[in-house]
Amino acid sequence: MLIDEMRKDHPELTDADLSTYKISQKVTGGSDLVILLSLQEKMKDELVYLDPKKPRSATDAEVAFINPNQKKDMPLVAKKTPYSDMPRALIFRDSFANLLVPFLSEHFSRSVYVWIPLIDERIVEIEKPDIVILEITERFLYSTLYSDLQD
């Protein structure tokens, strides 16, 4: 698990307690690959929802940079918690991370989610995170091969 790997360098990170969530499920007509293959009628996805029983600690935060690759439908997200002793995280991501944001954010003093499928060293220098995560699906792996050519 992601938290297990980060805990090797940051033992202060803890697991989420599932008892603090209300768990529900919903069957949908499929997403992503199912839609691309037009198989919504034949394949279904079962989504699991974890709704916190008490309000989340993470709230919106400001950022000191503009994402040079920002698109209207790909927002820059920044969160902060009152846990100043926790590490700071910078997450470069794709749409797969949308559902991770509220959960990951609870583990860091500050977390910034940049919607680009590669690590931008300029943003790393500005944010000065303790942890950098690159979360991308396989179809974006090619972008990591050519990132040096974009400068």
N, C-alpha and C. Protein backbone atom coordinates (compact mmCIF):
# COMPACT_ATOMS: atom_id res chain seq x y z
N MET A 1 0.83 -1.19 0.00
CA MET A 1 0.00 0.00 0.00
C MET A 1 0.87 1.25 0.00
N LEU A 2 0.32 2.30 -0.52
CA LEU A 2 1.04 3.56 -0.62
C LEU A 2 1.50 4.08 0.74
N ILE A 3 0.62 4.07 1.71
CA ILE A 3 0.98 4.56 3.05
C ILE A 3 2.09 3.70 3.66
N ASP A 4 2.05 2.40 3.43
CA ASP A 4 3.09 1.51 3.96
C ASP A 4 4.46 1.89 3.42
N GLU A 5 4.54 2.20 2.14
CA GLU A 5 5.82 2.59 1.54
C GLU A 5 6.30 3.93 2.10
N MET A 6 5.40 4.88 2.23
CA MET A 6 5.78 6.20 2.76
C MET A 6 6.18 6.11 4.23
N ARG A 7 5.58 5.18 4.97
CA ARG A 7 5.86 5.03 6.39
C ARG A 7 7.31 4.60 6.64
N LYS A 8 7.96 3.99 5.65
CA LYS A 8 9.36 3.61 5.81
C LYS A 8 10.24 4.82 6.11
N ASP A 9 9.93 5.95 5.50
CA ASP A 9 10.67 7.19 5.75
C ASP A 9 9.95 8.13 6.71
N HIS A 10 8.66 7.92 6.89
CA HIS A 10 7.84 8.80 7.74
C HIS A 10 6.96 7.94 8.65
N PRO A 11 7.55 7.41 9.73
CA PRO A 11 6.80 6.51 10.61
C PRO A 11 5.59 7.15 11.29
N GLU A 12 5.50 8.47 11.25
CA GLU A 12 4.36 9.15 11.86
C GLU A 12 3.06 8.97 11.07
N LEU A 13 3.17 8.48 9.84
CA LEU A 13 1.97 8.24 9.03
C LEU A 13 1.20 7.04 9.57
N THR A 14 -0.11 7.18 9.65
CA THR A 14 -0.93 6.10 10.20
C THR A 14 -1.94 5.62 9.16
N ASP A 15 -2.45 4.42 9.39
CA ASP A 15 -3.50 3.86 8.54
C ASP A 15 -4.83 4.53 8.86
N ALA A 16 -5.71 4.55 7.89
CA ALA A 16 -7.07 5.02 8.13
C ALA A 16 -7.82 3.95 8.92
N ASP A 17 -8.68 4.38 9.80
CA ASP A 17 -9.49 3.47 10.60
C ASP A 17 -10.86 3.34 9.93
N LEU A 18 -11.13 2.18 9.33
CA LEU A 18 -12.39 1.99 8.61
C LEU A 18 -13.63 2.15 9.48
N SER A 19 -13.48 1.98 10.78
CA SER A 19 -14.64 2.13 11.66
C SER A 19 -15.12 3.58 11.73
N THR A 20 -14.30 4.52 11.24
CA THR A 20 -14.70 5.94 11.26
C THR A 20 -15.46 6.33 9.99
N TYR A 21 -15.76 5.34 9.14
CA TYR A 21 -16.47 5.59 7.88
C TYR A 21 -17.76 4.80 7.80
N LYS A 22 -18.72 5.37 7.13
CA LYS A 22 -19.94 4.65 6.75
C LYS A 22 -19.65 4.09 5.36
N ILE A 23 -19.78 2.77 5.18
CA ILE A 23 -19.44 2.12 3.92
C ILE A 23 -20.73 1.79 3.17
N SER A 24 -20.78 2.19 1.90
CA SER A 24 -21.92 1.87 1.05
C SER A 24 -21.43 1.46 -0.33
N GLN A 25 -22.30 0.83 -1.12
CA GLN A 25 -21.92 0.36 -2.45
C GLN A 25 -22.98 0.77 -3.47
N LYS A 26 -22.53 0.89 -4.72
CA LYS A 26 -23.44 1.23 -5.81
C LYS A 26 -22.91 0.57 -7.09
N VAL A 27 -23.80 -0.03 -7.85
CA VAL A 27 -23.43 -0.64 -9.13
C VAL A 27 -23.69 0.39 -10.22
N THR A 28 -22.68 0.60 -11.10
CA THR A 28 -22.81 1.57 -12.19
C THR A 28 -22.60 0.86 -13.53
N GLY A 29 -22.83 1.60 -14.60
CA GLY A 29 -22.69 1.06 -15.94
C GLY A 29 -21.26 0.96 -16.43
N GLY A 30 -20.31 1.13 -15.57
CA GLY A 30 -18.91 1.03 -15.97
C GLY A 30 -18.30 2.40 -16.21
N SER A 31 -16.97 2.42 -16.28
CA SER A 31 -16.27 3.68 -16.52
C SER A 31 -14.98 3.39 -17.28
N ASP A 32 -14.39 4.46 -17.76
CA ASP A 32 -13.09 4.44 -18.42
C ASP A 32 -12.98 3.38 -19.50
N LEU A 33 -12.32 2.26 -19.23
CA LEU A 33 -12.10 1.23 -20.24
C LEU A 33 -13.42 0.64 -20.74
N VAL A 34 -14.36 0.44 -19.84
CA VAL A 34 -15.67 -0.10 -20.22
C VAL A 34 -16.35 0.85 -21.22
N ILE A 35 -16.27 2.14 -20.97
CA ILE A 35 -16.87 3.13 -21.87
C ILE A 35 -16.11 3.17 -23.20
N LEU A 36 -14.78 3.15 -23.14
CA LEU A 36 -13.98 3.17 -24.37
C LEU A 36 -14.31 1.99 -25.28
N LEU A 37 -14.64 0.86 -24.67
CA LEU A 37 -14.97 -0.34 -25.43
C LEU A 37 -16.46 -0.48 -25.70
N SER A 38 -17.25 0.50 -25.27
CA SER A 38 -18.72 0.50 -25.44
C SER A 38 -19.36 -0.76 -24.86
N LEU A 39 -18.93 -1.12 -23.68
CA LEU A 39 -19.44 -2.32 -23.02
C LEU A 39 -20.28 -2.00 -21.78
N GLN A 40 -20.83 -0.80 -21.69
CA GLN A 40 -21.58 -0.40 -20.51
C GLN A 40 -22.76 -1.33 -20.22
N GLU A 41 -23.38 -1.89 -21.27
CA GLU A 41 -24.52 -2.78 -21.06
C GLU A 41 -24.11 -4.16 -20.58
N LYS A 42 -22.88 -4.57 -20.88
CA LYS A 42 -22.43 -5.92 -20.54
C LYS A 42 -21.59 -5.97 -19.27
N MET A 43 -20.90 -4.88 -18.97
CA MET A 43 -20.01 -4.87 -17.80
C MET A 43 -20.44 -3.77 -16.84
N LYS A 44 -20.44 -4.10 -15.58
CA LYS A 44 -20.82 -3.15 -14.54
C LYS A 44 -19.65 -2.97 -13.58
N ASP A 45 -19.62 -1.81 -12.95
CA ASP A 45 -18.65 -1.55 -11.89
C ASP A 45 -19.39 -1.46 -10.57
N GLU A 46 -18.80 -2.03 -9.55
CA GLU A 46 -19.35 -1.88 -8.21
C GLU A 46 -18.47 -0.89 -7.47
N LEU A 47 -19.02 0.27 -7.18
CA LEU A 47 -18.28 1.32 -6.50
C LEU A 47 -18.53 1.21 -5.00
N VAL A 48 -17.47 1.39 -4.24
CA VAL A 48 -17.56 1.39 -2.78
C VAL A 48 -17.32 2.81 -2.30
N TYR A 49 -18.21 3.31 -1.47
CA TYR A 49 -18.11 4.67 -0.94
C TYR A 49 -17.76 4.61 0.54
N LEU A 50 -16.82 5.44 0.94
CA LEU A 50 -16.45 5.58 2.35
C LEU A 50 -16.77 7.02 2.75
N ASP A 51 -17.85 7.19 3.47
CA ASP A 51 -18.25 8.51 3.94
C ASP A 51 -17.84 8.67 5.39
N PRO A 52 -17.05 9.70 5.70
CA PRO A 52 -16.60 9.87 7.09
C PRO A 52 -17.78 10.14 8.03
N LYS A 53 -17.71 9.55 9.20
CA LYS A 53 -18.76 9.75 10.20
C LYS A 53 -18.63 11.11 10.88
N LYS A 54 -17.43 11.69 10.85
CA LYS A 54 -17.23 13.04 11.39
C LYS A 54 -16.54 13.87 10.31
N PRO A 55 -16.59 15.19 10.41
CA PRO A 55 -15.99 16.04 9.35
C PRO A 55 -14.50 15.75 9.15
N ARG A 56 -14.08 15.87 7.91
CA ARG A 56 -12.67 15.68 7.58
C ARG A 56 -11.85 16.83 8.15
N SER A 57 -10.57 16.56 8.43
CA SER A 57 -9.67 17.59 8.95
C SER A 57 -9.11 18.48 7.85
N ALA A 58 -8.94 17.92 6.65
CA ALA A 58 -8.32 18.66 5.55
C ALA A 58 -9.28 19.72 5.00
N THR A 59 -8.75 20.92 4.84
CA THR A 59 -9.50 22.03 4.25
C THR A 59 -8.71 22.60 3.08
N ASP A 60 -9.35 23.41 2.28
CA ASP A 60 -8.67 24.00 1.12
C ASP A 60 -7.51 24.89 1.56
N ALA A 61 -6.46 24.90 0.73
CA ALA A 61 -5.27 25.70 1.01
C ALA A 61 -4.89 26.50 -0.23
N GLU A 62 -4.07 27.51 -0.02
CA GLU A 62 -3.56 28.34 -1.12
C GLU A 62 -2.30 27.71 -1.70
N VAL A 63 -1.99 28.07 -2.96
CA VAL A 63 -0.75 27.65 -3.59
C VAL A 63 0.01 28.87 -4.07
N ALA A 64 1.34 28.75 -4.11
CA ALA A 64 2.19 29.88 -4.49
C ALA A 64 2.70 29.76 -5.92
N PHE A 65 2.00 29.03 -6.75
CA PHE A 65 2.44 28.87 -8.14
C PHE A 65 1.23 28.67 -9.03
N ILE A 66 1.45 28.83 -10.31
CA ILE A 66 0.43 28.55 -11.31
C ILE A 66 0.90 27.34 -12.09
N ASN A 67 0.04 26.37 -12.22
CA ASN A 67 0.38 25.17 -12.97
C ASN A 67 0.47 25.55 -14.45
N PRO A 68 1.65 25.45 -15.06
CA PRO A 68 1.79 25.84 -16.46
C PRO A 68 0.99 24.95 -17.42
N ASN A 69 0.58 23.80 -16.96
CA ASN A 69 -0.18 22.86 -17.79
C ASN A 69 -1.66 22.83 -17.42
N GLN A 70 -2.09 23.82 -16.64
CA GLN A 70 -3.46 23.84 -16.13
C GLN A 70 -4.49 23.93 -17.25
N LYS A 71 -5.50 23.10 -17.14
CA LYS A 71 -6.65 23.15 -18.04
C LYS A 71 -7.88 23.34 -17.17
N LYS A 72 -8.91 23.92 -17.75
CA LYS A 72 -10.10 24.27 -16.99
C LYS A 72 -10.71 23.07 -16.25
N ASP A 73 -10.75 21.92 -16.89
CA ASP A 73 -11.37 20.75 -16.28
C ASP A 73 -10.38 19.90 -15.47
N MET A 74 -9.17 20.40 -15.26
CA MET A 74 -8.16 19.68 -14.49
C MET A 74 -7.63 20.59 -13.39
N PRO A 75 -8.41 20.78 -12.33
CA PRO A 75 -8.06 21.78 -11.31
C PRO A 75 -6.84 21.39 -10.46
N LEU A 76 -6.16 22.42 -10.03
CA LEU A 76 -5.09 22.30 -9.05
C LEU A 76 -5.78 22.24 -7.69
N VAL A 77 -5.42 21.26 -6.87
CA VAL A 77 -6.06 21.09 -5.56
C VAL A 77 -4.99 21.17 -4.49
N ALA A 78 -5.26 21.95 -3.45
CA ALA A 78 -4.34 22.04 -2.30
C ALA A 78 -5.16 21.91 -1.02
N LYS A 79 -4.64 21.12 -0.09
CA LYS A 79 -5.33 20.88 1.18
C LYS A 79 -4.34 21.07 2.33
N LYS A 80 -4.87 21.44 3.49
CA LYS A 80 -4.06 21.57 4.70
C LYS A 80 -4.84 20.96 5.86
N THR A 81 -4.09 20.48 6.85
CA THR A 81 -4.70 19.95 8.07
C THR A 81 -4.05 20.65 9.26
N PRO A 82 -4.62 20.53 10.43
CA PRO A 82 -3.99 21.13 11.62
C PRO A 82 -2.80 20.32 12.15
N TYR A 83 -2.43 19.24 11.47
CA TYR A 83 -1.37 18.36 11.95
C TYR A 83 -0.01 18.82 11.44
N SER A 84 0.56 19.85 12.08
CA SER A 84 1.82 20.44 11.60
C SER A 84 3.01 19.49 11.71
N ASP A 85 2.90 18.44 12.51
CA ASP A 85 4.00 17.49 12.65
C ASP A 85 3.99 16.41 11.55
N MET A 86 2.98 16.44 10.70
CA MET A 86 2.90 15.46 9.61
C MET A 86 3.66 15.98 8.39
N PRO A 87 4.10 15.08 7.51
CA PRO A 87 4.85 15.52 6.32
C PRO A 87 3.98 16.27 5.32
N ARG A 88 4.67 16.98 4.43
CA ARG A 88 4.02 17.70 3.32
C ARG A 88 4.13 16.81 2.09
N ALA A 89 3.06 16.76 1.28
CA ALA A 89 3.07 15.90 0.09
C ALA A 89 2.75 16.71 -1.16
N LEU A 90 3.40 16.33 -2.24
CA LEU A 90 3.13 16.90 -3.56
C LEU A 90 2.82 15.73 -4.46
N ILE A 91 1.63 15.74 -5.06
CA ILE A 91 1.17 14.61 -5.86
C ILE A 91 0.95 15.07 -7.29
N PHE A 92 1.71 14.52 -8.22
CA PHE A 92 1.49 14.75 -9.65
C PHE A 92 0.60 13.59 -10.09
N ARG A 93 -0.47 13.91 -10.83
CA ARG A 93 -1.52 12.91 -10.98
C ARG A 93 -2.29 13.00 -12.28
N ASP A 94 -3.19 12.04 -12.45
CA ASP A 94 -4.18 12.07 -13.51
C ASP A 94 -5.55 11.97 -12.84
N SER A 95 -6.59 11.70 -13.61
CA SER A 95 -7.94 11.68 -13.05
C SER A 95 -8.17 10.54 -12.05
N PHE A 96 -7.34 9.52 -12.10
CA PHE A 96 -7.48 8.40 -11.18
C PHE A 96 -7.39 8.86 -9.73
N ALA A 97 -6.66 9.92 -9.47
CA ALA A 97 -6.47 10.41 -8.10
C ALA A 97 -7.65 11.21 -7.57
N ASN A 98 -8.62 11.52 -8.40
CA ASN A 98 -9.76 12.31 -7.93
C ASN A 98 -10.36 11.75 -6.65
N LEU A 99 -10.56 10.45 -6.61
CA LEU A 99 -11.18 9.83 -5.44
C LEU A 99 -10.20 9.62 -4.29
N LEU A 100 -8.91 9.75 -4.56
CA LEU A 100 -7.91 9.61 -3.50
C LEU A 100 -7.71 10.89 -2.69
N VAL A 101 -7.98 12.04 -3.30
CA VAL A 101 -7.69 13.33 -2.68
C VAL A 101 -8.23 13.44 -1.25
N PRO A 102 -9.51 13.20 -1.01
CA PRO A 102 -9.99 13.39 0.36
C PRO A 102 -9.37 12.44 1.39
N PHE A 103 -8.94 11.26 0.95
CA PHE A 103 -8.36 10.28 1.86
C PHE A 103 -6.88 10.56 2.12
N LEU A 104 -6.12 10.78 1.06
CA LEU A 104 -4.69 11.07 1.22
C LEU A 104 -4.46 12.36 1.99
N SER A 105 -5.27 13.35 1.74
CA SER A 105 -5.08 14.67 2.35
C SER A 105 -5.11 14.62 3.88
N GLU A 106 -5.83 13.66 4.44
CA GLU A 106 -5.93 13.55 5.89
C GLU A 106 -4.62 13.12 6.55
N HIS A 107 -3.66 12.61 5.77
CA HIS A 107 -2.41 12.10 6.32
C HIS A 107 -1.27 13.09 6.30
N PHE A 108 -1.49 14.28 5.77
CA PHE A 108 -0.40 15.25 5.60
C PHE A 108 -0.75 16.61 6.19
N SER A 109 0.28 17.35 6.57
CA SER A 109 0.04 18.72 7.03
C SER A 109 -0.39 19.59 5.86
N ARG A 110 0.15 19.29 4.69
CA ARG A 110 -0.20 19.99 3.46
C ARG A 110 -0.08 19.01 2.31
N SER A 111 -1.01 19.05 1.40
CA SER A 111 -0.95 18.20 0.21
C SER A 111 -1.40 19.01 -1.00
N VAL A 112 -0.63 18.93 -2.05
CA VAL A 112 -0.94 19.64 -3.29
C VAL A 112 -1.01 18.61 -4.41
N TYR A 113 -2.10 18.69 -5.18
CA TYR A 113 -2.37 17.74 -6.26
C TYR A 113 -2.33 18.47 -7.59
N VAL A 114 -1.31 18.15 -8.39
CA VAL A 114 -1.10 18.83 -9.67
C VAL A 114 -1.45 17.85 -10.78
N TRP A 115 -2.38 18.24 -11.62
CA TRP A 115 -2.89 17.35 -12.66
C TRP A 115 -2.00 17.40 -13.90
N ILE A 116 -0.84 16.79 -13.80
CA ILE A 116 0.04 16.57 -14.95
C ILE A 116 0.70 15.20 -14.75
N PRO A 117 0.89 14.43 -15.81
CA PRO A 117 1.40 13.07 -15.67
C PRO A 117 2.92 12.96 -15.63
N LEU A 118 3.58 13.95 -15.04
CA LEU A 118 5.03 13.89 -14.89
C LEU A 118 5.43 14.80 -13.74
N ILE A 119 6.64 14.63 -13.23
CA ILE A 119 7.10 15.44 -12.11
C ILE A 119 7.73 16.72 -12.65
N ASP A 120 7.20 17.84 -12.20
CA ASP A 120 7.72 19.16 -12.59
C ASP A 120 8.62 19.65 -11.46
N GLU A 121 9.92 19.65 -11.71
CA GLU A 121 10.90 20.01 -10.68
C GLU A 121 10.74 21.44 -10.20
N ARG A 122 10.23 22.32 -11.04
CA ARG A 122 10.01 23.72 -10.61
C ARG A 122 8.97 23.76 -9.50
N ILE A 123 7.92 22.97 -9.62
CA ILE A 123 6.88 22.94 -8.59
C ILE A 123 7.42 22.28 -7.32
N VAL A 124 8.25 21.27 -7.46
CA VAL A 124 8.87 20.63 -6.29
C VAL A 124 9.69 21.66 -5.53
N GLU A 125 10.45 22.47 -6.23
CA GLU A 125 11.27 23.50 -5.57
C GLU A 125 10.42 24.54 -4.85
N ILE A 126 9.29 24.90 -5.41
CA ILE A 126 8.41 25.89 -4.78
C ILE A 126 7.72 25.30 -3.54
N GLU A 127 7.19 24.10 -3.66
CA GLU A 127 6.41 23.49 -2.58
C GLU A 127 7.27 22.90 -1.46
N LYS A 128 8.48 22.46 -1.78
CA LYS A 128 9.39 21.83 -0.82
C LYS A 128 8.71 20.72 0.00
N PRO A 129 8.18 19.72 -0.70
CA PRO A 129 7.48 18.63 0.01
C PRO A 129 8.45 17.65 0.66
N ASP A 130 7.94 16.92 1.63
CA ASP A 130 8.69 15.81 2.22
C ASP A 130 8.52 14.56 1.37
N ILE A 131 7.39 14.46 0.69
CA ILE A 131 7.04 13.29 -0.12
C ILE A 131 6.53 13.77 -1.47
N VAL A 132 7.04 13.15 -2.54
CA VAL A 132 6.55 13.41 -3.90
C VAL A 132 5.98 12.10 -4.44
N ILE A 133 4.75 12.18 -4.94
CA ILE A 133 4.09 11.00 -5.50
C ILE A 133 3.76 11.27 -6.96
N LEU A 134 4.04 10.32 -7.82
CA LEU A 134 3.59 10.38 -9.21
C LEU A 134 2.55 9.29 -9.37
N GLU A 135 1.30 9.68 -9.50
CA GLU A 135 0.19 8.73 -9.65
C GLU A 135 -0.36 8.89 -11.06
N ILE A 136 -0.11 7.89 -11.90
CA ILE A 136 -0.63 7.91 -13.27
C ILE A 136 -1.04 6.50 -13.67
N THR A 137 -1.99 6.41 -14.57
CA THR A 137 -2.37 5.12 -15.12
C THR A 137 -1.38 4.75 -16.23
N GLU A 138 -1.42 3.50 -16.62
CA GLU A 138 -0.45 3.00 -17.59
C GLU A 138 -0.44 3.79 -18.89
N ARG A 139 -1.59 4.27 -19.32
CA ARG A 139 -1.64 4.95 -20.61
C ARG A 139 -0.86 6.26 -20.63
N PHE A 140 -0.46 6.76 -19.45
CA PHE A 140 0.34 7.99 -19.40
C PHE A 140 1.82 7.74 -19.15
N LEU A 141 2.23 6.49 -19.10
CA LEU A 141 3.65 6.19 -18.85
C LEU A 141 4.56 6.80 -19.92
N TYR A 142 4.07 6.89 -21.16
CA TYR A 142 4.89 7.47 -22.23
C TYR A 142 5.32 8.89 -21.90
N SER A 143 4.48 9.64 -21.17
CA SER A 143 4.80 11.03 -20.88
C SER A 143 6.02 11.15 -19.99
N THR A 144 6.30 10.14 -19.16
CA THR A 144 7.47 10.18 -18.30
C THR A 144 8.75 9.99 -19.12
N LEU A 145 8.63 9.33 -20.26
CA LEU A 145 9.81 9.11 -21.12
C LEU A 145 10.26 10.38 -21.83
N TYR A 146 9.33 11.27 -22.12
CA TYR A 146 9.63 12.46 -22.89
C TYR A 146 9.61 13.73 -22.08
N SER A 147 9.52 13.66 -20.78
CA SER A 147 9.40 14.87 -19.97
C SER A 147 10.61 15.77 -20.10
N ASP A 148 11.82 15.23 -20.27
CA ASP A 148 13.02 16.07 -20.41
C ASP A 148 13.01 16.85 -21.72
N LEU A 149 12.31 16.36 -22.71
CA LEU A 149 12.27 17.03 -24.01
C LEU A 149 11.35 18.26 -24.01
N GLN A 150 10.50 18.38 -23.00
CA GLN A 150 9.54 19.48 -22.97
C GLN A 150 10.16 20.79 -22.50
N ASP A 151 11.31 20.76 -21.87
CA ASP A 151 11.93 21.99 -21.35
C ASP A 151 12.66 22.77 -22.42
